[in-house]
Amino acid sequence: GIPYGIGFIKNKYIGRTFISPSQR
């Protein structure tokens, strides 16, 4: 019963974070 909200705006032009080859 807690309201649902949009908490993040996602950049649609970047892949999932883990696809990046280095931790940096």
PDB file of all heavy atoms in Angstrom:
ATOM      1  N   GLY A   1       0.796  -1.215   0.000  1.00  0.00           N
ATOM      2  CA  GLY A   1       0.000   0.000   0.000  1.00  0.00           C
ATOM      3  C   GLY A   1       0.830   1.266   0.000  1.00  0.00           C
ATOM      4  O   GLY A   1       0.280   2.377  -0.036  1.00  0.00           O
ATOM      5  N   ILE A   2       2.142   1.130   0.006  1.00  0.00           N
ATOM      6  CA  ILE A   2       3.024   2.297  -0.063  1.00  0.00           C
ATOM      7  C   ILE A   2       3.076   2.771  -1.515  1.00  0.00           C
ATOM      8  O   ILE A   2       3.251   1.958  -2.424  1.00  0.00           O
ATOM      9  CB  ILE A   2       4.449   1.936   0.423  1.00  0.00           C
ATOM     10  CG1 ILE A   2       4.399   1.419   1.857  1.00  0.00           C
ATOM     11  CG2 ILE A   2       5.374   3.144   0.324  1.00  0.00           C
ATOM     12  CD1 ILE A   2       5.729   0.841   2.338  1.00  0.00           C
ATOM     13  N   PRO A   3       2.907   4.062  -1.761  1.00  0.00           N
ATOM     14  CA  PRO A   3       2.882   4.559  -3.141  1.00  0.00           C
ATOM     15  C   PRO A   3       4.142   4.195  -3.924  1.00  0.00           C
ATOM     16  O   PRO A   3       5.249   4.194  -3.381  1.00  0.00           O
ATOM     17  CB  PRO A   3       2.758   6.079  -2.971  1.00  0.00           C
ATOM     18  CG  PRO A   3       2.159   6.259  -1.619  1.00  0.00           C
ATOM     19  CD  PRO A   3       2.686   5.138  -0.775  1.00  0.00           C
ATOM     20  N   TYR A   4       3.933   3.893  -5.189  1.00  0.00           N
ATOM     21  CA  TYR A   4       5.040   3.600  -6.102  1.00  0.00           C
ATOM     22  C   TYR A   4       5.479   4.896  -6.766  1.00  0.00           C
ATOM     23  O   TYR A   4       4.647   5.707  -7.180  1.00  0.00           O
ATOM     24  CB  TYR A   4       4.583   2.595  -7.163  1.00  0.00           C
ATOM     25  CG  TYR A   4       5.597   2.315  -8.258  1.00  0.00           C
ATOM     26  CD1 TYR A   4       6.607   1.385  -8.065  1.00  0.00           C
ATOM     27  CD2 TYR A   4       5.532   2.976  -9.483  1.00  0.00           C
ATOM     28  CE1 TYR A   4       7.525   1.101  -9.072  1.00  0.00           C
ATOM     29  CE2 TYR A   4       6.449   2.712 -10.494  1.00  0.00           C
ATOM     30  CZ  TYR A   4       7.444   1.774 -10.277  1.00  0.00           C
ATOM     31  OH  TYR A   4       8.351   1.520 -11.266  1.00  0.00           O
ATOM     32  N   GLY A   5       6.793   5.090  -6.878  1.00  0.00           N
ATOM     33  CA  GLY A   5       7.294   6.299  -7.517  1.00  0.00           C
ATOM     34  C   GLY A   5       8.443   6.012  -8.445  1.00  0.00           C
ATOM     35  O   GLY A   5       9.102   4.974  -8.351  1.00  0.00           O
ATOM     36  N   ILE A   6       8.675   6.912  -9.374  1.00  0.00           N
ATOM     37  CA  ILE A   6       9.836   6.804 -10.262  1.00  0.00           C
ATOM     38  C   ILE A   6      11.015   7.441  -9.551  1.00  0.00           C
ATOM     39  O   ILE A   6      11.058   8.651  -9.360  1.00  0.00           O
ATOM     40  CB  ILE A   6       9.563   7.505 -11.609  1.00  0.00           C
ATOM     41  CG1 ILE A   6       8.394   6.827 -12.322  1.00  0.00           C
ATOM     42  CG2 ILE A   6      10.817   7.471 -12.488  1.00  0.00           C
ATOM     43  CD1 ILE A   6       7.967   7.531 -13.595  1.00  0.00           C
ATOM     44  N   GLY A   7      11.965   6.609  -9.152  1.00  0.00           N
ATOM     45  CA  GLY A   7      13.081   7.099  -8.356  1.00  0.00           C
ATOM     46  C   GLY A   7      14.303   7.454  -9.170  1.00  0.00           C
ATOM     47  O   GLY A   7      15.151   8.221  -8.717  1.00  0.00           O
ATOM     48  N   PHE A   8      14.424   6.868 -10.366  1.00  0.00           N
ATOM     49  CA  PHE A   8      15.604   7.111 -11.196  1.00  0.00           C
ATOM     50  C   PHE A   8      15.190   7.339 -12.639  1.00  0.00           C
ATOM     51  O   PHE A   8      14.263   6.708 -13.143  1.00  0.00           O
ATOM     52  CB  PHE A   8      16.559   5.906 -11.156  1.00  0.00           C
ATOM     53  CG  PHE A   8      17.144   5.641  -9.802  1.00  0.00           C
ATOM     54  CD1 PHE A   8      16.532   4.741  -8.942  1.00  0.00           C
ATOM     55  CD2 PHE A   8      18.294   6.283  -9.387  1.00  0.00           C
ATOM     56  CE1 PHE A   8      17.074   4.476  -7.694  1.00  0.00           C
ATOM     57  CE2 PHE A   8      18.832   6.037  -8.140  1.00  0.00           C
ATOM     58  CZ  PHE A   8      18.222   5.134  -7.289  1.00  0.00           C
ATOM     59  N   ILE A   9      15.893   8.231 -13.289  1.00  0.00           N
ATOM     60  CA  ILE A   9      15.777   8.400 -14.729  1.00  0.00           C
ATOM     61  C   ILE A   9      16.982   7.709 -15.336  1.00  0.00           C
ATOM     62  O   ILE A   9      18.126   7.993 -14.975  1.00  0.00           O
ATOM     63  CB  ILE A   9      15.752   9.884 -15.129  1.00  0.00           C
ATOM     64  CG1 ILE A   9      14.562  10.586 -14.450  1.00  0.00           C
ATOM     65  CG2 ILE A   9      15.674  10.013 -16.648  1.00  0.00           C
ATOM     66  CD1 ILE A   9      13.205  10.004 -14.784  1.00  0.00           C
ATOM     67  N   LYS A  10      16.715   6.799 -16.261  1.00  0.00           N
ATOM     68  CA  LYS A  10      17.786   6.013 -16.856  1.00  0.00           C
ATOM     69  C   LYS A  10      18.175   6.589 -18.209  1.00  0.00           C
ATOM     70  O   LYS A  10      17.322   6.915 -19.028  1.00  0.00           O
ATOM     71  CB  LYS A  10      17.325   4.562 -17.033  1.00  0.00           C
ATOM     72  CG  LYS A  10      18.365   3.660 -17.676  1.00  0.00           C
ATOM     73  CD  LYS A  10      17.813   2.252 -17.862  1.00  0.00           C
ATOM     74  CE  LYS A  10      18.810   1.378 -18.589  1.00  0.00           C
ATOM     75  NZ  LYS A  10      18.283   0.006 -18.839  1.00  0.00           N
ATOM     76  N   ASN A  11      19.476   6.711 -18.423  1.00  0.00           N
ATOM     77  CA  ASN A  11      19.994   7.097 -19.731  1.00  0.00           C
ATOM     78  C   ASN A  11      19.804   5.918 -20.669  1.00  0.00           C
ATOM     79  O   ASN A  11      20.411   4.864 -20.483  1.00  0.00           O
ATOM     80  CB  ASN A  11      21.475   7.474 -19.610  1.00  0.00           C
ATOM     81  CG  ASN A  11      22.048   7.998 -20.909  1.00  0.00           C
ATOM     82  OD1 ASN A  11      21.538   7.695 -21.997  1.00  0.00           O
ATOM     83  ND2 ASN A  11      23.096   8.793 -20.815  1.00  0.00           N
ATOM     84  N   LYS A  12      18.979   6.063 -21.675  1.00  0.00           N
ATOM     85  CA  LYS A  12      18.646   4.968 -22.572  1.00  0.00           C
ATOM     86  C   LYS A  12      19.758   4.651 -23.566  1.00  0.00           C
ATOM     87  O   LYS A  12      19.674   3.672 -24.298  1.00  0.00           O
ATOM     88  CB  LYS A  12      17.367   5.305 -23.347  1.00  0.00           C
ATOM     89  CG  LYS A  12      16.155   5.488 -22.450  1.00  0.00           C
ATOM     90  CD  LYS A  12      14.924   5.855 -23.261  1.00  0.00           C
ATOM     91  CE  LYS A  12      13.718   6.067 -22.362  1.00  0.00           C
ATOM     92  NZ  LYS A  12      12.520   6.447 -23.141  1.00  0.00           N
ATOM     93  N   TYR A  13      20.800   5.468 -23.570  1.00  0.00           N
ATOM     94  CA  TYR A  13      21.833   5.293 -24.585  1.00  0.00           C
ATOM     95  C   TYR A  13      23.131   4.742 -24.010  1.00  0.00           C
ATOM     96  O   TYR A  13      24.190   4.899 -24.580  1.00  0.00           O
ATOM     97  CB  TYR A  13      22.082   6.633 -25.293  1.00  0.00           C
ATOM     98  CG  TYR A  13      20.823   7.190 -25.871  1.00  0.00           C
ATOM     99  CD1 TYR A  13      20.113   8.190 -25.219  1.00  0.00           C
ATOM    100  CD2 TYR A  13      20.286   6.663 -27.046  1.00  0.00           C
ATOM    101  CE1 TYR A  13      18.920   8.671 -25.741  1.00  0.00           C
ATOM    102  CE2 TYR A  13      19.100   7.145 -27.570  1.00  0.00           C
ATOM    103  CZ  TYR A  13      18.415   8.149 -26.909  1.00  0.00           C
ATOM    104  OH  TYR A  13      17.236   8.618 -27.420  1.00  0.00           O
ATOM    105  N   ILE A  14      23.020   4.064 -22.883  1.00  0.00           N
ATOM    106  CA  ILE A  14      24.186   3.414 -22.306  1.00  0.00           C
ATOM    107  C   ILE A  14      23.776   2.012 -21.909  1.00  0.00           C
ATOM    108  O   ILE A  14      22.648   1.782 -21.460  1.00  0.00           O
ATOM    109  CB  ILE A  14      24.718   4.191 -21.073  1.00  0.00           C
ATOM    110  CG1 ILE A  14      26.002   3.544 -20.544  1.00  0.00           C
ATOM    111  CG2 ILE A  14      23.695   4.268 -19.983  1.00  0.00           C
ATOM    112  CD1 ILE A  14      26.680   4.367 -19.449  1.00  0.00           C
ATOM    113  N   GLY A  15      24.669   1.046 -22.108  1.00  0.00           N
ATOM    114  CA  GLY A  15      24.358  -0.344 -21.784  1.00  0.00           C
ATOM    115  C   GLY A  15      24.346  -0.569 -20.288  1.00  0.00           C
ATOM    116  O   GLY A  15      24.641   0.315 -19.484  1.00  0.00           O
ATOM    117  N   ARG A  16      24.012  -1.790 -19.904  1.00  0.00           N
ATOM    118  CA  ARG A  16      24.007  -2.133 -18.484  1.00  0.00           C
ATOM    119  C   ARG A  16      25.398  -1.927 -17.903  1.00  0.00           C
ATOM    120  O   ARG A  16      26.410  -2.182 -18.543  1.00  0.00           O
ATOM    121  CB  ARG A  16      23.557  -3.587 -18.293  1.00  0.00           C
ATOM    122  CG  ARG A  16      22.083  -3.753 -18.628  1.00  0.00           C
ATOM    123  CD  ARG A  16      21.581  -5.109 -18.231  1.00  0.00           C
ATOM    124  NE  ARG A  16      20.126  -5.154 -18.373  1.00  0.00           N
ATOM    125  CZ  ARG A  16      19.374  -6.171 -17.985  1.00  0.00           C
ATOM    126  NH1 ARG A  16      19.921  -7.218 -17.429  1.00  0.00           N
ATOM    127  NH2 ARG A  16      18.072  -6.133 -18.142  1.00  0.00           N
ATOM    128  N   THR A  17      25.458  -1.493 -16.650  1.00  0.00           N
ATOM    129  CA  THR A  17      26.706  -1.049 -16.049  1.00  0.00           C
ATOM    130  C   THR A  17      27.822  -2.072 -16.152  1.00  0.00           C
ATOM    131  O   THR A  17      28.958  -1.752 -16.437  1.00  0.00           O
ATOM    132  CB  THR A  17      26.466  -0.727 -14.556  1.00  0.00           C
ATOM    133  OG1 THR A  17      25.409   0.216 -14.474  1.00  0.00           O
ATOM    134  CG2 THR A  17      27.705  -0.155 -13.917  1.00  0.00           C
ATOM    135  N   PHE A  18      27.496  -3.335 -15.938  1.00  0.00           N
ATOM    136  CA  PHE A  18      28.547  -4.337 -15.885  1.00  0.00           C
ATOM    137  C   PHE A  18      29.166  -4.635 -17.232  1.00  0.00           C
ATOM    138  O   PHE A  18      30.163  -5.322 -17.318  1.00  0.00           O
ATOM    139  CB  PHE A  18      28.042  -5.636 -15.272  1.00  0.00           C
ATOM    140  CG  PHE A  18      26.807  -6.179 -15.932  1.00  0.00           C
ATOM    141  CD1 PHE A  18      26.864  -6.670 -17.216  1.00  0.00           C
ATOM    142  CD2 PHE A  18      25.605  -6.176 -15.265  1.00  0.00           C
ATOM    143  CE1 PHE A  18      25.741  -7.171 -17.823  1.00  0.00           C
ATOM    144  CE2 PHE A  18      24.478  -6.683 -15.872  1.00  0.00           C
ATOM    145  CZ  PHE A  18      24.542  -7.178 -17.150  1.00  0.00           C
ATOM    146  N   ILE A  19      28.602  -4.116 -18.324  1.00  0.00           N
ATOM    147  CA  ILE A  19      29.192  -4.348 -19.637  1.00  0.00           C
ATOM    148  C   ILE A  19      30.511  -3.575 -19.775  1.00  0.00           C
ATOM    149  O   ILE A  19      31.382  -3.933 -20.536  1.00  0.00           O
ATOM    150  CB  ILE A  19      28.208  -3.931 -20.748  1.00  0.00           C
ATOM    151  CG1 ILE A  19      26.970  -4.830 -20.698  1.00  0.00           C
ATOM    152  CG2 ILE A  19      28.837  -3.995 -22.121  1.00  0.00           C
ATOM    153  CD1 ILE A  19      27.275  -6.302 -20.928  1.00  0.00           C
ATOM    154  N   SER A  20      30.690  -2.506 -18.994  1.00  0.00           N
ATOM    155  CA  SER A  20      31.939  -1.750 -19.050  1.00  0.00           C
ATOM    156  C   SER A  20      33.104  -2.651 -18.673  1.00  0.00           C
ATOM    157  O   SER A  20      33.024  -3.409 -17.720  1.00  0.00           O
ATOM    158  CB  SER A  20      31.875  -0.564 -18.075  1.00  0.00           C
ATOM    159  OG  SER A  20      30.780   0.274 -18.379  1.00  0.00           O
ATOM    160  N   PRO A  21      34.217  -2.554 -19.407  1.00  0.00           N
ATOM    161  CA  PRO A  21      35.302  -3.505 -19.232  1.00  0.00           C
ATOM    162  C   PRO A  21      36.144  -3.335 -17.974  1.00  0.00           C
ATOM    163  O   PRO A  21      36.865  -4.226 -17.591  1.00  0.00           O
ATOM    164  CB  PRO A  21      36.163  -3.293 -20.472  1.00  0.00           C
ATOM    165  CG  PRO A  21      35.867  -1.910 -20.907  1.00  0.00           C
ATOM    166  CD  PRO A  21      34.439  -1.659 -20.551  1.00  0.00           C
ATOM    167  N   SER A  22      36.091  -2.198 -17.328  1.00  0.00           N
ATOM    168  CA  SER A  22      36.908  -2.015 -16.136  1.00  0.00           C
ATOM    169  C   SER A  22      36.064  -1.543 -14.969  1.00  0.00           C
ATOM    170  O   SER A  22      34.996  -0.954 -15.145  1.00  0.00           O
ATOM    171  CB  SER A  22      38.013  -0.982 -16.395  1.00  0.00           C
ATOM    172  OG  SER A  22      37.447   0.319 -16.511  1.00  0.00           O
ATOM    173  N   GLN A  23      36.549  -1.795 -13.757  1.00  0.00           N
ATOM    174  CA  GLN A  23      35.819  -1.373 -12.567  1.00  0.00           C
ATOM    175  C   GLN A  23      35.692   0.145 -12.518  1.00  0.00           C
ATOM    176  O   GLN A  23      34.675   0.678 -12.104  1.00  0.00           O
ATOM    177  CB  GLN A  23      36.523  -1.887 -11.308  1.00  0.00           C
ATOM    178  CG  GLN A  23      35.791  -1.544 -10.010  1.00  0.00           C
ATOM    179  CD  GLN A  23      34.397  -2.132  -9.964  1.00  0.00           C
ATOM    180  OE1 GLN A  23      34.178  -3.251 -10.376  1.00  0.00           O
ATOM    181  NE2 GLN A  23      33.449  -1.358  -9.477  1.00  0.00           N
ATOM    182  N   ARG A  24      36.739   0.858 -12.981  1.00  0.00           N
ATOM    183  CA  ARG A  24      36.689   2.315 -12.987  1.00  0.00           C
ATOM    184  C   ARG A  24      35.565   2.804 -13.887  1.00  0.00           C
ATOM    185  O   ARG A  24      34.818   3.715 -13.532  1.00  0.00           O
ATOM    186  CB  ARG A  24      38.036   2.874 -13.463  1.00  0.00           C
ATOM    187  CG  ARG A  24      38.061   4.394 -13.510  1.00  0.00           C
ATOM    188  CD  ARG A  24      39.431   4.877 -13.964  1.00  0.00           C
ATOM    189  NE  ARG A  24      39.484   6.329 -14.024  1.00  0.00           N
ATOM    190  CZ  ARG A  24      40.539   7.014 -14.425  1.00  0.00           C
ATOM    191  NH1 ARG A  24      41.654   6.373 -14.758  1.00  0.00           N
ATOM    192  NH2 ARG A  24      40.502   8.326 -14.473  1.00  0.00           N
TER     193      ARG A  24
END
